[in-house]
PDB file of all heavy atoms in Angstrom:
ATOM      1  N   ILE A   1       2.722   3.587  -0.222  1.00  0.00           N
ATOM      2  CA  ILE A   1       2.938   3.023  -1.541  1.00  0.00           C
ATOM      3  C   ILE A   1       3.698   4.063  -2.348  1.00  0.00           C
ATOM      4  O   ILE A   1       3.266   5.214  -2.448  1.00  0.00           O
ATOM      5  CB  ILE A   1       1.612   2.606  -2.216  1.00  0.00           C
ATOM      6  CG1 ILE A   1       1.880   1.973  -3.581  1.00  0.00           C
ATOM      7  CG2 ILE A   1       0.610   3.756  -2.303  1.00  0.00           C
ATOM      8  CD1 ILE A   1       0.646   1.251  -4.160  1.00  0.00           C
ATOM      9  N   THR A   2       4.833   3.663  -2.882  1.00  0.00           N
ATOM     10  CA  THR A   2       5.652   4.620  -3.610  1.00  0.00           C
ATOM     11  C   THR A   2       5.084   4.862  -5.007  1.00  0.00           C
ATOM     12  O   THR A   2       4.180   4.160  -5.469  1.00  0.00           O
ATOM     13  CB  THR A   2       7.096   4.136  -3.731  1.00  0.00           C
ATOM     14  OG1 THR A   2       7.125   2.998  -4.616  1.00  0.00           O
ATOM     15  CG2 THR A   2       7.675   3.759  -2.378  1.00  0.00           C
ATOM     16  N   SER A   3       5.653   5.829  -5.691  1.00  0.00           N
ATOM     17  CA  SER A   3       5.242   6.109  -7.064  1.00  0.00           C
ATOM     18  C   SER A   3       5.502   4.897  -7.957  1.00  0.00           C
ATOM     19  O   SER A   3       4.814   4.707  -8.959  1.00  0.00           O
ATOM     20  CB  SER A   3       5.978   7.330  -7.609  1.00  0.00           C
ATOM     21  OG  SER A   3       7.381   7.130  -7.532  1.00  0.00           O
ATOM     22  N   GLY A   4       6.460   4.078  -7.576  1.00  0.00           N
ATOM     23  CA  GLY A   4       6.767   2.878  -8.337  1.00  0.00           C
ATOM     24  C   GLY A   4       6.037   1.641  -7.865  1.00  0.00           C
ATOM     25  O   GLY A   4       6.242   0.545  -8.403  1.00  0.00           O
ATOM     26  N   GLY A   5       5.189   1.789  -6.837  1.00  0.00           N
ATOM     27  CA  GLY A   5       4.356   0.669  -6.394  1.00  0.00           C
ATOM     28  C   GLY A   5       4.925  -0.160  -5.259  1.00  0.00           C
ATOM     29  O   GLY A   5       4.365  -1.208  -4.928  1.00  0.00           O
ATOM     30  N   ILE A   6       6.016   0.286  -4.648  1.00  0.00           N
ATOM     31  CA  ILE A   6       6.564  -0.442  -3.500  1.00  0.00           C
ATOM     32  C   ILE A   6       5.716  -0.131  -2.270  1.00  0.00           C
ATOM     33  O   ILE A   6       5.426   1.028  -1.996  1.00  0.00           O
ATOM     34  CB  ILE A   6       8.032  -0.064  -3.265  1.00  0.00           C
ATOM     35  CG1 ILE A   6       8.874  -0.455  -4.483  1.00  0.00           C
ATOM     36  CG2 ILE A   6       8.571  -0.750  -2.007  1.00  0.00           C
ATOM     37  CD1 ILE A   6      10.294   0.034  -4.434  1.00  0.00           C
ATOM     38  N   ILE A   7       5.355  -1.172  -1.544  1.00  0.00           N
ATOM     39  CA  ILE A   7       4.392  -1.057  -0.442  1.00  0.00           C
ATOM     40  C   ILE A   7       5.041  -1.439   0.880  1.00  0.00           C
ATOM     41  O   ILE A   7       5.868  -2.355   0.948  1.00  0.00           O
ATOM     42  CB  ILE A   7       3.174  -1.963  -0.733  1.00  0.00           C
ATOM     43  CG1 ILE A   7       2.351  -1.390  -1.888  1.00  0.00           C
ATOM     44  CG2 ILE A   7       2.306  -2.129   0.509  1.00  0.00           C
ATOM     45  CD1 ILE A   7       1.246  -2.309  -2.384  1.00  0.00           C
ATOM     46  N   ASP A   8       4.621  -0.744   1.921  1.00  0.00           N
ATOM     47  CA  ASP A   8       5.070  -1.077   3.271  1.00  0.00           C
ATOM     48  C   ASP A   8       3.929  -0.830   4.241  1.00  0.00           C
ATOM     49  O   ASP A   8       3.083   0.042   4.017  1.00  0.00           O
ATOM     50  CB  ASP A   8       6.281  -0.224   3.651  1.00  0.00           C
ATOM     51  CG  ASP A   8       6.990  -0.747   4.888  1.00  0.00           C
ATOM     52  OD1 ASP A   8       6.834  -1.953   5.205  1.00  0.00           O
ATOM     53  OD2 ASP A   8       7.700   0.028   5.549  1.00  0.00           O
ATOM     54  N   TYR A   9       3.898  -1.624   5.321  1.00  0.00           N
ATOM     55  CA  TYR A   9       2.854  -1.507   6.340  1.00  0.00           C
ATOM     56  C   TYR A   9       3.483  -1.480   7.723  1.00  0.00           C
ATOM     57  O   TYR A   9       4.531  -2.096   7.967  1.00  0.00           O
ATOM     58  CB  TYR A   9       1.905  -2.704   6.295  1.00  0.00           C
ATOM     59  CG  TYR A   9       1.168  -2.899   5.012  1.00  0.00           C
ATOM     60  CD1 TYR A   9       1.611  -3.799   4.047  1.00  0.00           C
ATOM     61  CD2 TYR A   9      -0.004  -2.194   4.748  1.00  0.00           C
ATOM     62  CE1 TYR A   9       0.924  -3.988   2.865  1.00  0.00           C
ATOM     63  CE2 TYR A   9      -0.702  -2.377   3.562  1.00  0.00           C
ATOM     64  CZ  TYR A   9      -0.224  -3.276   2.633  1.00  0.00           C
ATOM     65  OH  TYR A   9      -0.911  -3.453   1.453  1.00  0.00           O
ATOM     66  N   THR A  10       2.808  -0.815   8.639  1.00  0.00           N
ATOM     67  CA  THR A  10       3.199  -0.962  10.018  1.00  0.00           C
ATOM     68  C   THR A  10       2.782  -2.359  10.486  1.00  0.00           C
ATOM     69  O   THR A  10       1.818  -2.936   9.975  1.00  0.00           O
ATOM     70  CB  THR A  10       2.551   0.127  10.896  1.00  0.00           C
ATOM     71  OG1 THR A  10       3.157   0.134  12.178  1.00  0.00           O
ATOM     72  CG2 THR A  10       1.057  -0.075  11.029  1.00  0.00           C
ATOM     73  N   ASP A  11       3.521  -2.909  11.451  1.00  0.00           N
ATOM     74  CA  ASP A  11       3.315  -4.306  11.827  1.00  0.00           C
ATOM     75  C   ASP A  11       1.891  -4.602  12.279  1.00  0.00           C
ATOM     76  O   ASP A  11       1.349  -5.686  12.010  1.00  0.00           O
ATOM     77  CB  ASP A  11       4.289  -4.690  12.941  1.00  0.00           C
ATOM     78  CG  ASP A  11       5.709  -4.872  12.432  1.00  0.00           C
ATOM     79  OD1 ASP A  11       5.899  -4.972  11.202  1.00  0.00           O
ATOM     80  OD2 ASP A  11       6.641  -4.917  13.262  1.00  0.00           O
ATOM     81  N   SER A  12       1.255  -3.660  12.954  1.00  0.00           N
ATOM     82  CA  SER A  12      -0.057  -3.924  13.550  1.00  0.00           C
ATOM     83  C   SER A  12      -1.168  -4.121  12.522  1.00  0.00           C
ATOM     84  O   SER A  12      -2.247  -4.609  12.869  1.00  0.00           O
ATOM     85  CB  SER A  12      -0.439  -2.803  14.516  1.00  0.00           C
ATOM     86  OG  SER A  12      -0.539  -1.575  13.830  1.00  0.00           O
ATOM     87  N   VAL A  13      -0.936  -3.745  11.275  1.00  0.00           N
ATOM     88  CA  VAL A  13      -1.988  -3.883  10.257  1.00  0.00           C
ATOM     89  C   VAL A  13      -1.634  -4.894   9.175  1.00  0.00           C
ATOM     90  O   VAL A  13      -2.455  -5.165   8.298  1.00  0.00           O
ATOM     91  CB  VAL A  13      -2.339  -2.527   9.608  1.00  0.00           C
ATOM     92  CG1 VAL A  13      -2.650  -1.483  10.667  1.00  0.00           C
ATOM     93  CG2 VAL A  13      -1.241  -2.049   8.673  1.00  0.00           C
ATOM     94  N   LYS A  14      -0.444  -5.446   9.234  1.00  0.00           N
ATOM     95  CA  LYS A  14      -0.029  -6.415   8.214  1.00  0.00           C
ATOM     96  C   LYS A  14      -0.980  -7.607   8.194  1.00  0.00           C
ATOM     97  O   LYS A  14      -1.343  -8.154   9.234  1.00  0.00           O
ATOM     98  CB  LYS A  14       1.396  -6.891   8.475  1.00  0.00           C
ATOM     99  CG  LYS A  14       2.447  -5.867   8.117  1.00  0.00           C
ATOM    100  CD  LYS A  14       3.860  -6.386   8.377  1.00  0.00           C
ATOM    101  CE  LYS A  14       4.904  -5.339   8.008  1.00  0.00           C
ATOM    102  NZ  LYS A  14       6.278  -5.784   8.322  1.00  0.00           N
ATOM    103  N   GLY A  15      -1.408  -7.988   6.999  1.00  0.00           N
ATOM    104  CA  GLY A  15      -2.333  -9.096   6.841  1.00  0.00           C
ATOM    105  C   GLY A  15      -3.790  -8.701   6.958  1.00  0.00           C
ATOM    106  O   GLY A  15      -4.678  -9.497   6.659  1.00  0.00           O
ATOM    107  N   ARG A  16      -4.062  -7.475   7.392  1.00  0.00           N
ATOM    108  CA  ARG A  16      -5.440  -7.005   7.539  1.00  0.00           C
ATOM    109  C   ARG A  16      -5.754  -5.839   6.603  1.00  0.00           C
ATOM    110  O   ARG A  16      -6.871  -5.719   6.116  1.00  0.00           O
ATOM    111  CB  ARG A  16      -5.697  -6.568   8.978  1.00  0.00           C
ATOM    112  CG  ARG A  16      -5.496  -7.661  10.006  1.00  0.00           C
ATOM    113  CD  ARG A  16      -5.974  -7.210  11.390  1.00  0.00           C
ATOM    114  NE  ARG A  16      -5.242  -6.056  11.909  1.00  0.00           N
ATOM    115  CZ  ARG A  16      -5.821  -4.906  12.257  1.00  0.00           C
ATOM    116  NH1 ARG A  16      -7.134  -4.764  12.151  1.00  0.00           N
ATOM    117  NH2 ARG A  16      -5.077  -3.919  12.736  1.00  0.00           N
ATOM    118  N   PHE A  17      -4.784  -4.964   6.380  1.00  0.00           N
ATOM    119  CA  PHE A  17      -4.986  -3.771   5.550  1.00  0.00           C
ATOM    120  C   PHE A  17      -4.244  -3.931   4.226  1.00  0.00           C
ATOM    121  O   PHE A  17      -3.172  -4.542   4.170  1.00  0.00           O
ATOM    122  CB  PHE A  17      -4.463  -2.525   6.251  1.00  0.00           C
ATOM    123  CG  PHE A  17      -5.237  -2.074   7.464  1.00  0.00           C
ATOM    124  CD1 PHE A  17      -6.223  -2.857   8.037  1.00  0.00           C
ATOM    125  CD2 PHE A  17      -4.979  -0.828   8.023  1.00  0.00           C
ATOM    126  CE1 PHE A  17      -6.934  -2.440   9.149  1.00  0.00           C
ATOM    127  CE2 PHE A  17      -5.673  -0.382   9.129  1.00  0.00           C
ATOM    128  CZ  PHE A  17      -6.645  -1.194   9.702  1.00  0.00           C
ATOM    129  N   THR A  18      -4.810  -3.324   3.174  1.00  0.00           N
ATOM    130  CA  THR A  18      -4.163  -3.330   1.867  1.00  0.00           C
ATOM    131  C   THR A  18      -4.215  -1.930   1.276  1.00  0.00           C
ATOM    132  O   THR A  18      -5.300  -1.355   1.135  1.00  0.00           O
ATOM    133  CB  THR A  18      -4.853  -4.313   0.913  1.00  0.00           C
ATOM    134  OG1 THR A  18      -4.845  -5.628   1.473  1.00  0.00           O
ATOM    135  CG2 THR A  18      -4.141  -4.334  -0.443  1.00  0.00           C
ATOM    136  N   ILE A  19      -3.051  -1.400   0.936  1.00  0.00           N
ATOM    137  CA  ILE A  19      -2.989  -0.102   0.264  1.00  0.00           C
ATOM    138  C   ILE A  19      -2.828  -0.329  -1.228  1.00  0.00           C
ATOM    139  O   ILE A  19      -2.150  -1.278  -1.662  1.00  0.00           O
ATOM    140  CB  ILE A  19      -1.819   0.755   0.823  1.00  0.00           C
ATOM    141  CG1 ILE A  19      -1.890   2.186   0.288  1.00  0.00           C
ATOM    142  CG2 ILE A  19      -0.469   0.111   0.523  1.00  0.00           C
ATOM    143  CD1 ILE A  19      -0.896   3.140   0.955  1.00  0.00           C
ATOM    144  N   SER A  20      -3.476   0.533  -2.014  1.00  0.00           N
ATOM    145  CA  SER A  20      -3.344   0.450  -3.462  1.00  0.00           C
ATOM    146  C   SER A  20      -3.542   1.840  -4.042  1.00  0.00           C
ATOM    147  O   SER A  20      -4.008   2.751  -3.352  1.00  0.00           O
ATOM    148  CB  SER A  20      -4.357  -0.537  -4.056  1.00  0.00           C
ATOM    149  OG  SER A  20      -5.680  -0.118  -3.790  1.00  0.00           O
ATOM    150  N   ARG A  21      -3.182   1.996  -5.295  1.00  0.00           N
ATOM    151  CA  ARG A  21      -3.365   3.283  -5.948  1.00  0.00           C
ATOM    152  C   ARG A  21      -3.833   3.071  -7.372  1.00  0.00           C
ATOM    153  O   ARG A  21      -3.479   2.088  -8.030  1.00  0.00           O
ATOM    154  CB  ARG A  21      -2.075   4.107  -5.924  1.00  0.00           C
ATOM    155  CG  ARG A  21      -0.903   3.519  -6.672  1.00  0.00           C
ATOM    156  CD  ARG A  21       0.399   4.303  -6.382  1.00  0.00           C
ATOM    157  NE  ARG A  21       0.344   5.654  -6.904  1.00  0.00           N
ATOM    158  CZ  ARG A  21       1.161   6.649  -6.518  1.00  0.00           C
ATOM    159  NH1 ARG A  21       2.075   6.415  -5.564  1.00  0.00           N
ATOM    160  NH2 ARG A  21       1.063   7.842  -7.054  1.00  0.00           N
ATOM    161  N   ASP A  22      -4.634   4.029  -7.842  1.00  0.00           N
ATOM    162  CA  ASP A  22      -5.120   4.049  -9.221  1.00  0.00           C
ATOM    163  C   ASP A  22      -4.625   5.353  -9.825  1.00  0.00           C
ATOM    164  O   ASP A  22      -5.214   6.423  -9.598  1.00  0.00           O
ATOM    165  CB  ASP A  22      -6.648   3.963  -9.254  1.00  0.00           C
ATOM    166  CG  ASP A  22      -7.206   3.863 -10.660  1.00  0.00           C
ATOM    167  OD1 ASP A  22      -6.507   4.279 -11.613  1.00  0.00           O
ATOM    168  OD2 ASP A  22      -8.342   3.387 -10.807  1.00  0.00           O
ATOM    169  N   ASN A  23      -3.547   5.271 -10.573  1.00  0.00           N
ATOM    170  CA  ASN A  23      -2.947   6.486 -11.124  1.00  0.00           C
ATOM    171  C   ASN A  23      -3.849   7.171 -12.149  1.00  0.00           C
ATOM    172  O   ASN A  23      -3.778   8.383 -12.335  1.00  0.00           O
ATOM    173  CB  ASN A  23      -1.585   6.170 -11.737  1.00  0.00           C
ATOM    174  CG  ASN A  23      -0.536   5.833 -10.684  1.00  0.00           C
ATOM    175  OD1 ASN A  23      -0.645   6.242  -9.525  1.00  0.00           O
ATOM    176  ND2 ASN A  23       0.465   5.064 -11.080  1.00  0.00           N
ATOM    177  N   ALA A  24      -4.684   6.413 -12.800  1.00  0.00           N
ATOM    178  CA  ALA A  24      -5.603   7.009 -13.785  1.00  0.00           C
ATOM    179  C   ALA A  24      -6.666   7.873 -13.112  1.00  0.00           C
ATOM    180  O   ALA A  24      -7.190   8.807 -13.707  1.00  0.00           O
ATOM    181  CB  ALA A  24      -6.269   5.914 -14.601  1.00  0.00           C
ATOM    182  N   LYS A  25      -6.961   7.549 -11.848  1.00  0.00           N
ATOM    183  CA  LYS A  25      -7.986   8.298 -11.108  1.00  0.00           C
ATOM    184  C   LYS A  25      -7.394   9.192 -10.022  1.00  0.00           C
ATOM    185  O   LYS A  25      -8.135   9.779  -9.221  1.00  0.00           O
ATOM    186  CB  LYS A  25      -8.990   7.320 -10.492  1.00  0.00           C
ATOM    187  CG  LYS A  25      -9.783   6.536 -11.524  1.00  0.00           C
ATOM    188  CD  LYS A  25     -10.799   5.612 -10.852  1.00  0.00           C
ATOM    189  CE  LYS A  25     -11.621   4.858 -11.891  1.00  0.00           C
ATOM    190  NZ  LYS A  25     -12.619   3.942 -11.265  1.00  0.00           N
TER     191      LYS A  25
END
């Protein structure tokens, strides 16, 4: 996940894993 919030996944985890970030924490 980029500093601007753009997300990418490897194919094997797409639809199963979710990356997110909390900049305040």
